[in-house]
């Protein structure tokens, strides 16, 4: 039986090089859109802190 991870790797390994960035962006979009509000807020706060520390 093929695991989800194996299937995902198979499906994403075949796009043309020019489409790989699109596939990666879509996967990241899905990951963010499936987060709960608390996790999303925590990541936002951490990103803002990092930006302020850098500035």
PDB file of N, CA and C in Angstrom:
ATOM      1  N   UNK A   1       0.840  -1.187   0.000  1.00  0.00           N
ATOM      2  CA  UNK A   1       0.000   0.000   0.000  1.00  0.00           C
ATOM      3  C   UNK A   1       0.883   1.247   0.000  1.00  0.00           C
ATOM      4  N   UNK A   2       0.526   2.195  -0.830  1.00  0.00           N
ATOM      5  CA  UNK A   2       1.300   3.420  -0.940  1.00  0.00           C
ATOM      6  C   UNK A   2       0.821   4.428   0.092  1.00  0.00           C
ATOM      7  N   UNK A   3       1.771   4.996   0.801  1.00  0.00           N
ATOM      8  CA  UNK A   3       1.406   5.980   1.815  1.00  0.00           C
ATOM      9  C   UNK A   3       1.110   7.326   1.161  1.00  0.00           C
ATOM     10  N   UNK A   4       0.477   8.176   1.922  1.00  0.00           N
ATOM     11  CA  UNK A   4       0.164   9.515   1.427  1.00  0.00           C
ATOM     12  C   UNK A   4       1.440  10.250   1.045  1.00  0.00           C
ATOM     13  N   UNK A   5       2.460  10.152   1.886  1.00  0.00           N
ATOM     14  CA  UNK A   5       3.717  10.848   1.616  1.00  0.00           C
ATOM     15  C   UNK A   5       4.336  10.364   0.309  1.00  0.00           C
ATOM     16  N   UNK A   6       4.328   9.050   0.069  1.00  0.00           N
ATOM     17  CA  UNK A   6       4.874   8.507  -1.167  1.00  0.00           C
ATOM     18  C   UNK A   6       4.083   8.998  -2.380  1.00  0.00           C
ATOM     19  N   UNK A   7       2.783   9.011  -2.259  1.00  0.00           N
ATOM     20  CA  UNK A   7       1.930   9.483  -3.356  1.00  0.00           C
ATOM     21  C   UNK A   7       2.194  10.951  -3.639  1.00  0.00           C
ATOM     22  N   UNK A   8       2.280  11.740  -2.593  1.00  0.00           N
ATOM     23  CA  UNK A   8       2.546  13.171  -2.765  1.00  0.00           C
ATOM     24  C   UNK A   8       3.898  13.400  -3.432  1.00  0.00           C
ATOM     25  N   UNK A   9       4.908  12.672  -3.009  1.00  0.00           N
ATOM     26  CA  UNK A   9       6.231  12.798  -3.626  1.00  0.00           C
ATOM     27  C   UNK A   9       6.214  12.384  -5.092  1.00  0.00           C
ATOM     28  N   UNK A  10       5.490  11.330  -5.406  1.00  0.00           N
ATOM     29  CA  UNK A  10       5.392  10.892  -6.800  1.00  0.00           C
ATOM     30  C   UNK A  10       4.697  11.948  -7.650  1.00  0.00           C
ATOM     31  N   UNK A  11       3.620  12.493  -7.140  1.00  0.00           N
ATOM     32  CA  UNK A  11       2.849  13.476  -7.903  1.00  0.00           C
ATOM     33  C   UNK A  11       3.607  14.787  -8.095  1.00  0.00           C
ATOM     34  N   UNK A  12       4.403  15.173  -7.117  1.00  0.00           N
ATOM     35  CA  UNK A  12       5.109  16.448  -7.213  1.00  0.00           C
ATOM     36  C   UNK A  12       6.490  16.327  -7.841  1.00  0.00           C
ATOM     37  N   UNK A  13       6.970  15.126  -8.062  1.00  0.00           N
ATOM     38  CA  UNK A  13       8.293  14.967  -8.663  1.00  0.00           C
ATOM     39  C   UNK A  13       8.257  15.065 -10.182  1.00  0.00           C
ATOM     40  N   UNK A  14       7.100  14.988 -10.773  1.00  0.00           N
ATOM     41  CA  UNK A  14       7.022  14.964 -12.229  1.00  0.00           C
ATOM     42  C   UNK A  14       6.779  16.312 -12.923  1.00  0.00           C
ATOM     43  N   UNK A  15       6.378  17.391 -12.232  1.00  0.00           N
ATOM     44  CA  UNK A  15       6.139  18.640 -12.976  1.00  0.00           C
ATOM     45  C   UNK A  15       7.410  19.154 -13.656  1.00  0.00           C
ATOM     46  N   UNK A  16       7.206  19.885 -14.722  1.00  0.00           N
ATOM     47  CA  UNK A  16       8.328  20.513 -15.409  1.00  0.00           C
ATOM     48  C   UNK A  16       8.997  21.478 -14.441  1.00  0.00           C
ATOM     49  N   UNK A  17      10.272  21.751 -14.674  1.00  0.00           N
ATOM     50  CA  UNK A  17      10.999  22.647 -13.780  1.00  0.00           C
ATOM     51  C   UNK A  17      10.292  23.993 -13.643  1.00  0.00           C
ATOM     52  N   UNK A  18       9.716  24.475 -14.715  1.00  0.00           N
ATOM     53  CA  UNK A  18       9.057  25.778 -14.681  1.00  0.00           C
ATOM     54  C   UNK A  18       7.799  25.771 -13.811  1.00  0.00           C
ATOM     55  N   UNK A  19       7.244  24.595 -13.515  1.00  0.00           N
ATOM     56  CA  UNK A  19       6.014  24.496 -12.720  1.00  0.00           C
ATOM     57  C   UNK A  19       6.273  24.096 -11.269  1.00  0.00           C
ATOM     58  N   UNK A  20       7.506  23.767 -10.934  1.00  0.00           N
ATOM     59  CA  UNK A  20       7.809  23.318  -9.569  1.00  0.00           C
ATOM     60  C   UNK A  20       7.542  24.396  -8.536  1.00  0.00           C
ATOM     61  N   UNK A  21       7.872  25.640  -8.857  1.00  0.00           N
ATOM     62  CA  UNK A  21       7.624  26.737  -7.923  1.00  0.00           C
ATOM     63  C   UNK A  21       6.128  26.886  -7.671  1.00  0.00           C
ATOM     64  N   UNK A  22       5.322  26.713  -8.705  1.00  0.00           N
ATOM     65  CA  UNK A  22       3.869  26.789  -8.547  1.00  0.00           C
ATOM     66  C   UNK A  22       3.356  25.674  -7.636  1.00  0.00           C
ATOM     67  N   UNK A  23       3.882  24.470  -7.828  1.00  0.00           N
ATOM     68  CA  UNK A  23       3.456  23.336  -7.007  1.00  0.00           C
ATOM     69  C   UNK A  23       3.830  23.568  -5.545  1.00  0.00           C
ATOM     70  N   UNK A  24       5.039  24.062  -5.305  1.00  0.00           N
ATOM     71  CA  UNK A  24       5.478  24.338  -3.947  1.00  0.00           C
ATOM     72  C   UNK A  24       4.636  25.442  -3.309  1.00  0.00           C
ATOM     73  N   UNK A  25       4.352  26.486  -4.061  1.00  0.00           N
ATOM     74  CA  UNK A  25       3.525  27.575  -3.549  1.00  0.00           C
ATOM     75  C   UNK A  25       2.129  27.069  -3.184  1.00  0.00           C
ATOM     76  N   UNK A  26       1.584  26.183  -3.981  1.00  0.00           N
ATOM     77  CA  UNK A  26       0.251  25.644  -3.702  1.00  0.00           C
ATOM     78  C   UNK A  26       0.252  24.791  -2.440  1.00  0.00           C
ATOM     79  N   UNK A  27       1.282  23.962  -2.281  1.00  0.00           N
ATOM     80  CA  UNK A  27       1.377  23.134  -1.072  1.00  0.00           C
ATOM     81  C   UNK A  27       1.486  24.028   0.157  1.00  0.00           C
ATOM     82  N   UNK A  28       2.292  25.078   0.072  1.00  0.00           N
ATOM     83  CA  UNK A  28       2.421  26.007   1.207  1.00  0.00           C
ATOM     84  C   UNK A  28       1.108  26.715   1.482  1.00  0.00           C
ATOM     85  N   UNK A  29       0.392  27.096   0.428  1.00  0.00           N
ATOM     86  CA  UNK A  29      -0.915  27.719   0.607  1.00  0.00           C
ATOM     87  C   UNK A  29      -1.868  26.775   1.346  1.00  0.00           C
ATOM     88  N   UNK A  30      -1.879  25.529   0.944  1.00  0.00           N
ATOM     89  CA  UNK A  30      -2.751  24.553   1.610  1.00  0.00           C
ATOM     90  C   UNK A  30      -2.383  24.397   3.079  1.00  0.00           C
ATOM     91  N   UNK A  31      -1.096  24.335   3.368  1.00  0.00           N
ATOM     92  CA  UNK A  31      -0.651  24.172   4.751  1.00  0.00           C
ATOM     93  C   UNK A  31      -1.119  25.352   5.600  1.00  0.00           C
ATOM     94  N   UNK A  32      -0.983  26.558   5.080  1.00  0.00           N
ATOM     95  CA  UNK A  32      -1.398  27.743   5.829  1.00  0.00           C
ATOM     96  C   UNK A  32      -2.910  27.813   5.955  1.00  0.00           C
ATOM     97  N   UNK A  33      -3.624  27.481   4.887  1.00  0.00           N
ATOM     98  CA  UNK A  33      -5.083  27.595   4.923  1.00  0.00           C
ATOM     99  C   UNK A  33      -5.719  26.561   5.853  1.00  0.00           C
ATOM    100  N   UNK A  34      -5.005  25.482   6.142  1.00  0.00           N
ATOM    101  CA  UNK A  34      -5.543  24.451   7.016  1.00  0.00           C
ATOM    102  C   UNK A  34      -5.164  24.645   8.485  1.00  0.00           C
ATOM    103  N   UNK A  35      -4.357  25.672   8.775  1.00  0.00           N
ATOM    104  CA  UNK A  35      -3.972  25.939  10.159  1.00  0.00           C
ATOM    105  C   UNK A  35      -5.157  26.470  10.949  1.00  0.00           C
ATOM    106  N   UNK A  36      -5.141  26.189  12.234  1.00  0.00           N
ATOM    107  CA  UNK A  36      -6.166  26.797  13.062  1.00  0.00           C
ATOM    108  C   UNK A  36      -5.759  28.241  13.358  1.00  0.00           C
ATOM    109  N   UNK A  37      -6.705  29.044  13.807  1.00  0.00           N
ATOM    110  CA  UNK A  37      -6.466  30.467  14.014  1.00  0.00           C
ATOM    111  C   UNK A  37      -5.355  30.728  15.024  1.00  0.00           C
ATOM    112  N   UNK A  38      -5.276  29.906  16.052  1.00  0.00           N
ATOM    113  CA  UNK A  38      -4.264  30.101  17.087  1.00  0.00           C
ATOM    114  C   UNK A  38      -2.859  29.899  16.523  1.00  0.00           C
ATOM    115  N   UNK A  39      -2.689  28.865  15.738  1.00  0.00           N
ATOM    116  CA  UNK A  39      -1.380  28.595  15.140  1.00  0.00           C
ATOM    117  C   UNK A  39      -1.013  29.687  14.142  1.00  0.00           C
ATOM    118  N   UNK A  40      -1.975  30.109  13.358  1.00  0.00           N
ATOM    119  CA  UNK A  40      -1.735  31.162  12.382  1.00  0.00           C
ATOM    120  C   UNK A  40      -1.350  32.459  13.084  1.00  0.00           C
ATOM    121  N   UNK A  41      -2.026  32.799  14.169  1.00  0.00           N
ATOM    122  CA  UNK A  41      -1.707  34.013  14.923  1.00  0.00           C
ATOM    123  C   UNK A  41      -0.305  33.921  15.529  1.00  0.00           C
ATOM    124  N   UNK A  42       0.055  32.761  16.034  1.00  0.00           N
ATOM    125  CA  UNK A  42       1.388  32.556  16.615  1.00  0.00           C
ATOM    126  C   UNK A  42       2.468  32.748  15.549  1.00  0.00           C
ATOM    127  N   UNK A  43       2.257  32.204  14.368  1.00  0.00           N
ATOM    128  CA  UNK A  43       3.237  32.372  13.282  1.00  0.00           C
ATOM    129  C   UNK A  43       3.323  33.819  12.834  1.00  0.00           C
ATOM    130  N   UNK A  44       2.184  34.509  12.788  1.00  0.00           N
ATOM    131  CA  UNK A  44       2.167  35.918  12.409  1.00  0.00           C
ATOM    132  C   UNK A  44       2.960  36.746  13.413  1.00  0.00           C
ATOM    133  N   UNK A  45       2.702  36.525  14.704  1.00  0.00           N
ATOM    134  CA  UNK A  45       3.408  37.267  15.746  1.00  0.00           C
ATOM    135  C   UNK A  45       4.916  37.017  15.683  1.00  0.00           C
ATOM    136  N   UNK A  46       5.313  35.774  15.434  1.00  0.00           N
ATOM    137  CA  UNK A  46       6.735  35.452  15.330  1.00  0.00           C
ATOM    138  C   UNK A  46       7.367  36.147  14.120  1.00  0.00           C
ATOM    139  N   UNK A  47       6.644  36.201  13.012  1.00  0.00           N
ATOM    140  CA  UNK A  47       7.163  36.860  11.813  1.00  0.00           C
ATOM    141  C   UNK A  47       7.317  38.360  12.045  1.00  0.00           C
ATOM    142  N   UNK A  48       6.333  38.979  12.684  1.00  0.00           N
ATOM    143  CA  UNK A  48       6.408  40.417  12.977  1.00  0.00           C
ATOM    144  C   UNK A  48       7.581  40.694  13.914  1.00  0.00           C
ATOM    145  N   UNK A  49       7.774  39.861  14.928  1.00  0.00           N
ATOM    146  CA  UNK A  49       8.890  40.035  15.859  1.00  0.00           C
ATOM    147  C   UNK A  49      10.219  39.937  15.116  1.00  0.00           C
ATOM    148  N   UNK A  50      10.338  38.964  14.232  1.00  0.00           N
ATOM    149  CA  UNK A  50      11.580  38.785  13.473  1.00  0.00           C
ATOM    150  C   UNK A  50      11.854  40.002  12.591  1.00  0.00           C
ATOM    151  N   UNK A  51      10.822  40.525  11.960  1.00  0.00           N
ATOM    152  CA  UNK A  51      10.972  41.704  11.103  1.00  0.00           C
ATOM    153  C   UNK A  51      11.425  42.900  11.933  1.00  0.00           C
ATOM    154  N   UNK A  52      10.805  43.091  13.092  1.00  0.00           N
ATOM    155  CA  UNK A  52      11.182  44.216  13.955  1.00  0.00           C
ATOM    156  C   UNK A  52      12.588  44.069  14.490  1.00  0.00           C
ATOM    157  N   UNK A  53      12.983  42.858  14.853  1.00  0.00           N
ATOM    158  CA  UNK A  53      14.338  42.619  15.356  1.00  0.00           C
ATOM    159  C   UNK A  53      15.369  42.887  14.274  1.00  0.00           C
ATOM    160  N   UNK A  54      15.012  42.570  13.042  1.00  0.00           N
ATOM    161  CA  UNK A  54      15.924  42.777  11.918  1.00  0.00           C
ATOM    162  C   UNK A  54      16.071  44.263  11.580  1.00  0.00           C
ATOM    163  N   UNK A  55      14.987  45.007  11.739  1.00  0.00           N
ATOM    164  CA  UNK A  55      14.984  46.435  11.350  1.00  0.00           C
ATOM    165  C   UNK A  55      15.801  47.310  12.252  1.00  0.00           C
TER     166      UNK A  55
END
